[in-house]
């Protein structure tokens, strides 16, 4: 990789993460430097006129981002069509759950 970053997992050469972390629906790439002292975020400088909810508001996408970090690093998918001539998707029903207090 360029820009002073290296990949993880020699056989698959994945970045640390590829996900919509900045919240404009486009995914960013996060990679580490060779000395493991920095994370670098790569994003697009190109403006967009498309305004849709962030991808992490979609429960299926949000789960996909989580499984990338705990098990199998595969791209997260949305629970809706994301492409040319699509409609505006609705907001996902993400809610926090309060754990019961222990004994």
PDB file of N, CA and C in Angstrom:
ATOM      1  N   UNK A   1       0.846  -1.177   0.000  1.00  0.00           N
ATOM      2  CA  UNK A   1       0.000   0.000   0.000  1.00  0.00           C
ATOM      3  C   UNK A   1       0.891   1.241   0.000  1.00  0.00           C
ATOM      4  N   UNK A   2       0.349   2.329  -0.402  1.00  0.00           N
ATOM      5  CA  UNK A   2       1.093   3.582  -0.438  1.00  0.00           C
ATOM      6  C   UNK A   2       0.728   4.461   0.751  1.00  0.00           C
ATOM      7  N   UNK A   3       1.218   5.681   0.763  1.00  0.00           N
ATOM      8  CA  UNK A   3       0.912   6.683   1.789  1.00  0.00           C
ATOM      9  C   UNK A   3       1.397   6.281   3.183  1.00  0.00           C
ATOM     10  N   UNK A   4       2.437   5.449   3.232  1.00  0.00           N
ATOM     11  CA  UNK A   4       3.016   5.079   4.516  1.00  0.00           C
ATOM     12  C   UNK A   4       2.203   4.113   5.342  1.00  0.00           C
ATOM     13  N   UNK A   5       1.248   3.414   4.720  1.00  0.00           N
ATOM     14  CA  UNK A   5       0.427   2.466   5.465  1.00  0.00           C
ATOM     15  C   UNK A   5       0.674   1.049   4.987  1.00  0.00           C
ATOM     16  N   UNK A   6       0.345   0.107   5.844  1.00  0.00           N
ATOM     17  CA  UNK A   6       0.478  -1.309   5.506  1.00  0.00           C
ATOM     18  C   UNK A   6      -0.857  -2.001   5.767  1.00  0.00           C
ATOM     19  N   UNK A   7      -1.000  -3.174   5.215  1.00  0.00           N
ATOM     20  CA  UNK A   7      -2.235  -3.931   5.386  1.00  0.00           C
ATOM     21  C   UNK A   7      -2.093  -4.929   6.532  1.00  0.00           C
ATOM     22  N   UNK A   8      -3.198  -5.509   6.904  1.00  0.00           N
ATOM     23  CA  UNK A   8      -3.229  -6.570   7.913  1.00  0.00           C
ATOM     24  C   UNK A   8      -3.381  -7.904   7.187  1.00  0.00           C
ATOM     25  N   UNK A   9      -3.107  -8.987   7.866  1.00  0.00           N
ATOM     26  CA  UNK A   9      -3.314 -10.332   7.303  1.00  0.00           C
ATOM     27  C   UNK A   9      -2.621 -10.480   5.954  1.00  0.00           C
ATOM     28  N   UNK A  10      -1.397 -10.898   5.966  1.00  0.00           N
ATOM     29  CA  UNK A  10      -0.613 -11.034   4.746  1.00  0.00           C
ATOM     30  C   UNK A  10      -1.313 -11.734   3.593  1.00  0.00           C
ATOM     31  N   UNK A  11      -2.131 -12.744   3.879  1.00  0.00           N
ATOM     32  CA  UNK A  11      -2.782 -13.482   2.799  1.00  0.00           C
ATOM     33  C   UNK A  11      -3.929 -12.707   2.154  1.00  0.00           C
ATOM     34  N   UNK A  12      -4.651 -11.909   2.944  1.00  0.00           N
ATOM     35  CA  UNK A  12      -5.789 -11.166   2.402  1.00  0.00           C
ATOM     36  C   UNK A  12      -5.493  -9.690   2.207  1.00  0.00           C
ATOM     37  N   UNK A  13      -4.490  -9.176   2.916  1.00  0.00           N
ATOM     38  CA  UNK A  13      -4.065  -7.777   2.797  1.00  0.00           C
ATOM     39  C   UNK A  13      -5.221  -6.800   3.007  1.00  0.00           C
ATOM     40  N   UNK A  14      -5.950  -6.966   4.101  1.00  0.00           N
ATOM     41  CA  UNK A  14      -7.050  -6.047   4.368  1.00  0.00           C
ATOM     42  C   UNK A  14      -6.569  -4.816   5.139  1.00  0.00           C
ATOM     43  N   UNK A  15      -7.327  -3.719   4.993  1.00  0.00           N
ATOM     44  CA  UNK A  15      -7.056  -2.546   5.829  1.00  0.00           C
ATOM     45  C   UNK A  15      -7.605  -2.809   7.233  1.00  0.00           C
ATOM     46  N   UNK A  16      -7.408  -1.878   8.141  1.00  0.00           N
ATOM     47  CA  UNK A  16      -7.983  -2.026   9.489  1.00  0.00           C
ATOM     48  C   UNK A  16      -9.508  -2.070   9.414  1.00  0.00           C
ATOM     49  N   UNK A  17     -10.081  -1.193   8.596  1.00  0.00           N
ATOM     50  CA  UNK A  17     -11.534  -1.134   8.458  1.00  0.00           C
ATOM     51  C   UNK A  17     -11.902  -0.370   7.206  1.00  0.00           C
ATOM     52  N   UNK A  18     -12.981  -0.754   6.604  1.00  0.00           N
ATOM     53  CA  UNK A  18     -13.580  -0.002   5.504  1.00  0.00           C
ATOM     54  C   UNK A  18     -15.055   0.091   5.842  1.00  0.00           C
ATOM     55  N   UNK A  19     -15.507   1.310   6.188  1.00  0.00           N
ATOM     56  CA  UNK A  19     -16.897   1.495   6.619  1.00  0.00           C
ATOM     57  C   UNK A  19     -17.261   2.971   6.553  1.00  0.00           C
ATOM     58  N   UNK A  20     -18.550   3.255   6.628  1.00  0.00           N
ATOM     59  CA  UNK A  20     -19.039   4.635   6.672  1.00  0.00           C
ATOM     60  C   UNK A  20     -18.909   5.139   8.106  1.00  0.00           C
ATOM     61  N   UNK A  21     -17.747   5.662   8.448  1.00  0.00           N
ATOM     62  CA  UNK A  21     -17.542   6.135   9.820  1.00  0.00           C
ATOM     63  C   UNK A  21     -17.773   7.635   9.958  1.00  0.00           C
ATOM     64  N   UNK A  22     -17.723   8.384   8.855  1.00  0.00           N
ATOM     65  CA  UNK A  22     -17.907   9.829   8.932  1.00  0.00           C
ATOM     66  C   UNK A  22     -19.349  10.252   8.692  1.00  0.00           C
ATOM     67  N   UNK A  23     -20.191   9.314   8.264  1.00  0.00           N
ATOM     68  CA  UNK A  23     -21.617   9.562   8.232  1.00  0.00           C
ATOM     69  C   UNK A  23     -22.184  10.304   7.044  1.00  0.00           C
ATOM     70  N   UNK A  24     -21.582  10.189   5.874  1.00  0.00           N
ATOM     71  CA  UNK A  24     -22.223  10.803   4.708  1.00  0.00           C
ATOM     72  C   UNK A  24     -22.661   9.742   3.700  1.00  0.00           C
ATOM     73  N   UNK A  25     -22.694   8.482   4.093  1.00  0.00           N
ATOM     74  CA  UNK A  25     -23.085   7.292   3.362  1.00  0.00           C
ATOM     75  C   UNK A  25     -21.982   6.711   2.500  1.00  0.00           C
ATOM     76  N   UNK A  26     -20.871   7.434   2.328  1.00  0.00           N
ATOM     77  CA  UNK A  26     -19.756   6.882   1.556  1.00  0.00           C
ATOM     78  C   UNK A  26     -18.742   6.278   2.517  1.00  0.00           C
ATOM     79  N   UNK A  27     -18.161   5.168   2.130  1.00  0.00           N
ATOM     80  CA  UNK A  27     -17.261   4.467   3.033  1.00  0.00           C
ATOM     81  C   UNK A  27     -15.852   5.067   3.030  1.00  0.00           C
ATOM     82  N   UNK A  28     -15.237   5.021   4.191  1.00  0.00           N
ATOM     83  CA  UNK A  28     -13.859   5.445   4.347  1.00  0.00           C
ATOM     84  C   UNK A  28     -13.001   4.207   4.603  1.00  0.00           C
ATOM     85  N   UNK A  29     -11.714   4.341   4.301  1.00  0.00           N
ATOM     86  CA  UNK A  29     -10.778   3.253   4.530  1.00  0.00           C
ATOM     87  C   UNK A  29      -9.833   3.681   5.652  1.00  0.00           C
ATOM     88  N   UNK A  30      -9.654   2.827   6.637  1.00  0.00           N
ATOM     89  CA  UNK A  30      -8.743   3.101   7.744  1.00  0.00           C
ATOM     90  C   UNK A  30      -7.605   2.099   7.663  1.00  0.00           C
ATOM     91  N   UNK A  31      -6.380   2.624   7.684  1.00  0.00           N
ATOM     92  CA  UNK A  31      -5.199   1.763   7.616  1.00  0.00           C
ATOM     93  C   UNK A  31      -4.196   2.206   8.671  1.00  0.00           C
ATOM     94  N   UNK A  32      -3.321   1.296   9.047  1.00  0.00           N
ATOM     95  CA  UNK A  32      -2.304   1.591  10.058  1.00  0.00           C
ATOM     96  C   UNK A  32      -0.961   1.852   9.393  1.00  0.00           C
ATOM     97  N   UNK A  33      -0.126   2.612  10.085  1.00  0.00           N
ATOM     98  CA  UNK A  33       1.229   2.827   9.591  1.00  0.00           C
ATOM     99  C   UNK A  33       2.077   1.616   9.980  1.00  0.00           C
ATOM    100  N   UNK A  34       3.190   1.454   9.304  1.00  0.00           N
ATOM    101  CA  UNK A  34       4.038   0.284   9.527  1.00  0.00           C
ATOM    102  C   UNK A  34       4.521   0.191  10.974  1.00  0.00           C
ATOM    103  N   UNK A  35       4.763   1.343  11.616  1.00  0.00           N
ATOM    104  CA  UNK A  35       5.245   1.330  13.001  1.00  0.00           C
ATOM    105  C   UNK A  35       4.103   1.216  14.019  1.00  0.00           C
ATOM    106  N   UNK A  36       2.877   1.094  13.556  1.00  0.00           N
ATOM    107  CA  UNK A  36       1.686   0.952  14.413  1.00  0.00           C
ATOM    108  C   UNK A  36       1.463   2.143  15.344  1.00  0.00           C
ATOM    109  N   UNK A  37       1.939   3.314  14.974  1.00  0.00           N
ATOM    110  CA  UNK A  37       1.769   4.495  15.812  1.00  0.00           C
ATOM    111  C   UNK A  37       0.627   5.382  15.337  1.00  0.00           C
ATOM    112  N   UNK A  38       0.146   5.179  14.120  1.00  0.00           N
ATOM    113  CA  UNK A  38      -0.910   6.030  13.569  1.00  0.00           C
ATOM    114  C   UNK A  38      -1.931   5.201  12.814  1.00  0.00           C
ATOM    115  N   UNK A  39      -3.152   5.715  12.810  1.00  0.00           N
ATOM    116  CA  UNK A  39      -4.187   5.238  11.899  1.00  0.00           C
ATOM    117  C   UNK A  39      -4.421   6.356  10.904  1.00  0.00           C
ATOM    118  N   UNK A  40      -4.583   6.015   9.647  1.00  0.00           N
ATOM    119  CA  UNK A  40      -4.860   7.019   8.618  1.00  0.00           C
ATOM    120  C   UNK A  40      -6.209   6.711   7.992  1.00  0.00           C
ATOM    121  N   UNK A  41      -7.003   7.765   7.844  1.00  0.00           N
ATOM    122  CA  UNK A  41      -8.339   7.627   7.265  1.00  0.00           C
ATOM    123  C   UNK A  41      -8.311   8.198   5.855  1.00  0.00           C
ATOM    124  N   UNK A  42      -8.752   7.404   4.909  1.00  0.00           N
ATOM    125  CA  UNK A  42      -8.822   7.829   3.518  1.00  0.00           C
ATOM    126  C   UNK A  42     -10.283   8.002   3.136  1.00  0.00           C
ATOM    127  N   UNK A  43     -10.592   9.150   2.578  1.00  0.00           N
ATOM    128  CA  UNK A  43     -11.955   9.456   2.174  1.00  0.00           C
ATOM    129  C   UNK A  43     -11.913  10.202   0.851  1.00  0.00           C
ATOM    130  N   UNK A  44     -13.040  10.474   0.285  1.00  0.00           N
ATOM    131  CA  UNK A  44     -13.083  11.195  -0.976  1.00  0.00           C
ATOM    132  C   UNK A  44     -13.203  12.700  -0.735  1.00  0.00           C
ATOM    133  N   UNK A  45     -12.521  13.495  -1.553  1.00  0.00           N
ATOM    134  CA  UNK A  45     -12.691  14.948  -1.468  1.00  0.00           C
ATOM    135  C   UNK A  45     -13.804  15.447  -2.388  1.00  0.00           C
ATOM    136  N   UNK A  46     -14.451  14.540  -3.090  1.00  0.00           N
ATOM    137  CA  UNK A  46     -15.458  14.903  -4.081  1.00  0.00           C
ATOM    138  C   UNK A  46     -16.811  15.110  -3.387  1.00  0.00           C
ATOM    139  N   UNK A  47     -17.408  16.294  -3.512  1.00  0.00           N
ATOM    140  CA  UNK A  47     -18.719  16.533  -2.894  1.00  0.00           C
ATOM    141  C   UNK A  47     -19.799  15.648  -3.520  1.00  0.00           C
ATOM    142  N   UNK A  48     -20.845  15.410  -2.780  1.00  0.00           N
ATOM    143  CA  UNK A  48     -21.979  14.646  -3.294  1.00  0.00           C
ATOM    144  C   UNK A  48     -23.254  15.463  -3.131  1.00  0.00           C
ATOM    145  N   UNK A  49     -24.163  15.261  -4.043  1.00  0.00           N
ATOM    146  CA  UNK A  49     -25.468  15.915  -3.926  1.00  0.00           C
ATOM    147  C   UNK A  49     -26.507  14.947  -3.368  1.00  0.00           C
ATOM    148  N   UNK A  50     -26.111  13.684  -3.202  1.00  0.00           N
ATOM    149  CA  UNK A  50     -27.026  12.675  -2.679  1.00  0.00           C
ATOM    150  C   UNK A  50     -27.114  12.798  -1.164  1.00  0.00           C
ATOM    151  N   UNK A  51     -28.306  12.862  -0.645  1.00  0.00           N
ATOM    152  CA  UNK A  51     -28.521  12.972   0.797  1.00  0.00           C
ATOM    153  C   UNK A  51     -29.399  11.816   1.239  1.00  0.00           C
ATOM    154  N   UNK A  52     -28.769  10.861   1.888  1.00  0.00           N
ATOM    155  CA  UNK A  52     -29.505   9.724   2.434  1.00  0.00           C
ATOM    156  C   UNK A  52     -29.010   9.501   3.865  1.00  0.00           C
ATOM    157  N   UNK A  53     -29.752   8.736   4.663  1.00  0.00           N
ATOM    158  CA  UNK A  53     -29.269   8.442   6.013  1.00  0.00           C
ATOM    159  C   UNK A  53     -27.897   7.763   5.966  1.00  0.00           C
ATOM    160  N   UNK A  54     -27.129   7.926   7.007  1.00  0.00           N
ATOM    161  CA  UNK A  54     -25.825   7.270   7.051  1.00  0.00           C
ATOM    162  C   UNK A  54     -26.005   5.759   7.016  1.00  0.00           C
ATOM    163  N   UNK A  55     -25.023   5.070   6.492  1.00  0.00           N
ATOM    164  CA  UNK A  55     -25.142   3.618   6.372  1.00  0.00           C
ATOM    165  C   UNK A  55     -25.236   2.936   7.730  1.00  0.00           C
ATOM    166  N   UNK A  56     -24.623   3.493   8.756  1.00  0.00           N
ATOM    167  CA  UNK A  56     -24.697   2.839  10.071  1.00  0.00           C
ATOM    168  C   UNK A  56     -26.087   2.927  10.693  1.00  0.00           C
ATOM    169  N   UNK A  57     -26.997   3.681  10.098  1.00  0.00           N
ATOM    170  CA  UNK A  57     -28.387   3.671  10.556  1.00  0.00           C
ATOM    171  C   UNK A  57     -29.138   2.446  10.042  1.00  0.00           C
ATOM    172  N   UNK A  58     -28.521   1.713   9.120  1.00  0.00           N
ATOM    173  CA  UNK A  58     -29.110   0.483   8.614  1.00  0.00           C
ATOM    174  C   UNK A  58     -28.619  -0.680   9.479  1.00  0.00           C
ATOM    175  N   UNK A  59     -29.522  -1.380  10.181  1.00  0.00           N
ATOM    176  CA  UNK A  59     -29.090  -2.445  11.095  1.00  0.00           C
ATOM    177  C   UNK A  59     -28.243  -3.529  10.437  1.00  0.00           C
ATOM    178  N   UNK A  60     -28.528  -3.878   9.207  1.00  0.00           N
ATOM    179  CA  UNK A  60     -27.768  -4.927   8.528  1.00  0.00           C
ATOM    180  C   UNK A  60     -26.342  -4.451   8.251  1.00  0.00           C
ATOM    181  N   UNK A  61     -26.194  -3.226   7.792  1.00  0.00           N
ATOM    182  CA  UNK A  61     -24.865  -2.674   7.545  1.00  0.00           C
ATOM    183  C   UNK A  61     -24.089  -2.563   8.858  1.00  0.00           C
ATOM    184  N   UNK A  62     -24.748  -2.075   9.901  1.00  0.00           N
ATOM    185  CA  UNK A  62     -24.101  -1.895  11.205  1.00  0.00           C
ATOM    186  C   UNK A  62     -23.573  -3.227  11.738  1.00  0.00           C
ATOM    187  N   UNK A  63     -24.352  -4.266  11.610  1.00  0.00           N
ATOM    188  CA  UNK A  63     -23.916  -5.595  12.022  1.00  0.00           C
ATOM    189  C   UNK A  63     -22.723  -6.050  11.178  1.00  0.00           C
ATOM    190  N   UNK A  64     -22.766  -5.751   9.876  1.00  0.00           N
ATOM    191  CA  UNK A  64     -21.667  -6.126   8.990  1.00  0.00           C
ATOM    192  C   UNK A  64     -20.356  -5.463   9.373  1.00  0.00           C
ATOM    193  N   UNK A  65     -20.413  -4.213   9.774  1.00  0.00           N
ATOM    194  CA  UNK A  65     -19.203  -3.518  10.220  1.00  0.00           C
ATOM    195  C   UNK A  65     -18.658  -4.196  11.477  1.00  0.00           C
ATOM    196  N   UNK A  66     -19.540  -4.595  12.373  1.00  0.00           N
ATOM    197  CA  UNK A  66     -19.107  -5.272  13.599  1.00  0.00           C
ATOM    198  C   UNK A  66     -18.465  -6.617  13.288  1.00  0.00           C
ATOM    199  N   UNK A  67     -19.057  -7.414  12.397  1.00  0.00           N
ATOM    200  CA  UNK A  67     -18.491  -8.747  12.158  1.00  0.00           C
ATOM    201  C   UNK A  67     -17.150  -8.650  11.455  1.00  0.00           C
ATOM    202  N   UNK A  68     -16.890  -7.561  10.753  1.00  0.00           N
ATOM    203  CA  UNK A  68     -15.573  -7.397  10.134  1.00  0.00           C
ATOM    204  C   UNK A  68     -14.473  -7.353  11.178  1.00  0.00           C
ATOM    205  N   UNK A  69     -14.776  -6.845  12.357  1.00  0.00           N
ATOM    206  CA  UNK A  69     -13.757  -6.661  13.376  1.00  0.00           C
ATOM    207  C   UNK A  69     -13.630  -7.802  14.361  1.00  0.00           C
ATOM    208  N   UNK A  70     -14.571  -8.720  14.370  1.00  0.00           N
ATOM    209  CA  UNK A  70     -14.505  -9.798  15.344  1.00  0.00           C
ATOM    210  C   UNK A  70     -14.330 -11.174  14.712  1.00  0.00           C
ATOM    211  N   UNK A  71     -14.524 -11.289  13.443  1.00  0.00           N
ATOM    212  CA  UNK A  71     -14.444 -12.619  12.849  1.00  0.00           C
ATOM    213  C   UNK A  71     -13.976 -12.542  11.398  1.00  0.00           C
ATOM    214  N   UNK A  72     -14.884 -12.513  10.487  1.00  0.00           N
ATOM    215  CA  UNK A  72     -14.571 -12.670   9.082  1.00  0.00           C
ATOM    216  C   UNK A  72     -14.610 -11.332   8.372  1.00  0.00           C
ATOM    217  N   UNK A  73     -13.501 -10.894   7.823  1.00  0.00           N
ATOM    218  CA  UNK A  73     -13.417  -9.576   7.208  1.00  0.00           C
ATOM    219  C   UNK A  73     -13.945  -9.618   5.777  1.00  0.00           C
ATOM    220  N   UNK A  74     -15.228  -9.380   5.638  1.00  0.00           N
ATOM    221  CA  UNK A  74     -15.866  -9.279   4.329  1.00  0.00           C
ATOM    222  C   UNK A  74     -16.620  -7.962   4.294  1.00  0.00           C
ATOM    223  N   UNK A  75     -16.887  -7.427   3.111  1.00  0.00           N
ATOM    224  CA  UNK A  75     -17.589  -6.145   3.044  1.00  0.00           C
ATOM    225  C   UNK A  75     -18.967  -6.199   3.697  1.00  0.00           C
ATOM    226  N   UNK A  76     -19.295  -5.124   4.387  1.00  0.00           N
ATOM    227  CA  UNK A  76     -20.640  -5.014   4.956  1.00  0.00           C
ATOM    228  C   UNK A  76     -21.612  -4.645   3.847  1.00  0.00           C
ATOM    229  N   UNK A  77     -22.790  -5.192   3.891  1.00  0.00           N
ATOM    230  CA  UNK A  77     -23.823  -4.911   2.900  1.00  0.00           C
ATOM    231  C   UNK A  77     -24.962  -4.154   3.562  1.00  0.00           C
ATOM    232  N   UNK A  78     -25.667  -3.375   2.792  1.00  0.00           N
ATOM    233  CA  UNK A  78     -26.832  -2.668   3.313  1.00  0.00           C
ATOM    234  C   UNK A  78     -28.068  -3.559   3.224  1.00  0.00           C
ATOM    235  N   UNK A  79     -29.081  -3.205   3.965  1.00  0.00           N
ATOM    236  CA  UNK A  79     -30.342  -3.928   3.916  1.00  0.00           C
ATOM    237  C   UNK A  79     -31.282  -3.350   2.871  1.00  0.00           C
ATOM    238  N   UNK A  80     -30.766  -2.479   2.015  1.00  0.00           N
ATOM    239  CA  UNK A  80     -31.557  -1.845   0.960  1.00  0.00           C
ATOM    240  C   UNK A  80     -30.689  -1.693  -0.273  1.00  0.00           C
ATOM    241  N   UNK A  81     -31.320  -1.463  -1.414  1.00  0.00           N
ATOM    242  CA  UNK A  81     -30.586  -1.248  -2.652  1.00  0.00           C
ATOM    243  C   UNK A  81     -29.865   0.095  -2.570  1.00  0.00           C
ATOM    244  N   UNK A  82     -28.584   0.085  -2.838  1.00  0.00           N
ATOM    245  CA  UNK A  82     -27.776   1.304  -2.830  1.00  0.00           C
ATOM    246  C   UNK A  82     -27.135   1.420  -4.204  1.00  0.00           C
ATOM    247  N   UNK A  83     -27.737   2.212  -5.058  1.00  0.00           N
ATOM    248  CA  UNK A  83     -27.214   2.335  -6.405  1.00  0.00           C
ATOM    249  C   UNK A  83     -27.967   3.356  -7.225  1.00  0.00           C
ATOM    250  N   UNK A  84     -27.674   3.382  -8.494  1.00  0.00           N
ATOM    251  CA  UNK A  84     -28.260   4.329  -9.434  1.00  0.00           C
ATOM    252  C   UNK A  84     -29.787   4.207  -9.438  1.00  0.00           C
ATOM    253  N   UNK A  85     -30.451   5.340  -9.455  1.00  0.00           N
ATOM    254  CA  UNK A  85     -31.916   5.433  -9.501  1.00  0.00           C
ATOM    255  C   UNK A  85     -32.617   4.836  -8.288  1.00  0.00           C
ATOM    256  N   UNK A  86     -31.934   4.836  -7.154  1.00  0.00           N
ATOM    257  CA  UNK A  86     -32.566   4.322  -5.938  1.00  0.00           C
ATOM    258  C   UNK A  86     -33.409   5.401  -5.284  1.00  0.00           C
ATOM    259  N   UNK A  87     -34.352   4.998  -4.483  1.00  0.00           N
ATOM    260  CA  UNK A  87     -35.109   5.939  -3.666  1.00  0.00           C
ATOM    261  C   UNK A  87     -34.345   6.221  -2.382  1.00  0.00           C
ATOM    262  N   UNK A  88     -34.854   7.139  -1.608  1.00  0.00           N
ATOM    263  CA  UNK A  88     -34.213   7.448  -0.332  1.00  0.00           C
ATOM    264  C   UNK A  88     -34.645   6.407   0.693  1.00  0.00           C
ATOM    265  N   UNK A  89     -33.695   5.667   1.258  1.00  0.00           N
ATOM    266  CA  UNK A  89     -34.070   4.653   2.246  1.00  0.00           C
ATOM    267  C   UNK A  89     -34.515   5.305   3.549  1.00  0.00           C
ATOM    268  N   UNK A  90     -35.299   4.591   4.297  1.00  0.00           N
ATOM    269  CA  UNK A  90     -35.744   5.099   5.591  1.00  0.00           C
ATOM    270  C   UNK A  90     -34.668   4.932   6.647  1.00  0.00           C
ATOM    271  N   UNK A  91     -34.882   5.526   7.774  1.00  0.00           N
ATOM    272  CA  UNK A  91     -33.953   5.386   8.893  1.00  0.00           C
ATOM    273  C   UNK A  91     -34.113   4.009   9.493  1.00  0.00           C
ATOM    274  N   UNK A  92     -32.999   3.384   9.831  1.00  0.00           N
ATOM    275  CA  UNK A  92     -33.039   2.097  10.507  1.00  0.00           C
ATOM    276  C   UNK A  92     -33.529   2.256  11.933  1.00  0.00           C
ATOM    277  N   UNK A  93     -34.055   1.209  12.483  1.00  0.00           N
ATOM    278  CA  UNK A  93     -34.578   1.266  13.846  1.00  0.00           C
ATOM    279  C   UNK A  93     -33.511   0.780  14.816  1.00  0.00           C
ATOM    280  N   UNK A  94     -32.502   1.613  15.014  1.00  0.00           N
ATOM    281  CA  UNK A  94     -31.426   1.302  15.956  1.00  0.00           C
ATOM    282  C   UNK A  94     -31.829   1.859  17.315  1.00  0.00           C
ATOM    283  N   UNK A  95     -31.709   1.046  18.339  1.00  0.00           N
ATOM    284  CA  UNK A  95     -32.006   1.531  19.677  1.00  0.00           C
ATOM    285  C   UNK A  95     -31.027   0.894  20.649  1.00  0.00           C
ATOM    286  N   UNK A  96     -30.789   1.561  21.718  1.00  0.00           N
ATOM    287  CA  UNK A  96     -29.908   1.006  22.735  1.00  0.00           C
ATOM    288  C   UNK A  96     -30.743   0.245  23.744  1.00  0.00           C
ATOM    289  N   UNK A  97     -30.160  -0.767  24.295  1.00  0.00           N
ATOM    290  CA  UNK A  97     -30.843  -1.600  25.277  1.00  0.00           C
ATOM    291  C   UNK A  97     -30.078  -1.497  26.581  1.00  0.00           C
ATOM    292  N   UNK A  98     -30.783  -1.205  27.627  1.00  0.00           N
ATOM    293  CA  UNK A  98     -30.143  -1.105  28.934  1.00  0.00           C
ATOM    294  C   UNK A  98     -30.095  -2.482  29.562  1.00  0.00           C
ATOM    295  N   UNK A  99     -28.872  -2.900  29.922  1.00  0.00           N
ATOM    296  CA  UNK A  99     -28.703  -4.197  30.541  1.00  0.00           C
ATOM    297  C   UNK A  99     -29.203  -4.154  31.985  1.00  0.00           C
ATOM    298  N   UNK A 100     -29.825  -5.226  32.420  1.00  0.00           N
ATOM    299  CA  UNK A 100     -30.250  -5.251  33.822  1.00  0.00           C
ATOM    300  C   UNK A 100     -29.014  -5.263  34.727  1.00  0.00           C
ATOM    301  N   UNK A 101     -29.157  -4.638  35.864  1.00  0.00           N
ATOM    302  CA  UNK A 101     -28.033  -4.598  36.791  1.00  0.00           C
ATOM    303  C   UNK A 101     -27.855  -5.964  37.428  1.00  0.00           C
ATOM    304  N   UNK A 102     -26.606  -6.308  37.660  1.00  0.00           N
ATOM    305  CA  UNK A 102     -26.291  -7.607  38.258  1.00  0.00           C
ATOM    306  C   UNK A 102     -26.605  -7.676  39.753  1.00  0.00           C
ATOM    307  N   UNK A 103     -26.416  -8.856  40.318  1.00  0.00           N
ATOM    308  CA  UNK A 103     -26.740  -9.030  41.744  1.00  0.00           C
ATOM    309  C   UNK A 103     -25.815  -8.223  42.653  1.00  0.00           C
TER     310      UNK A 103
END
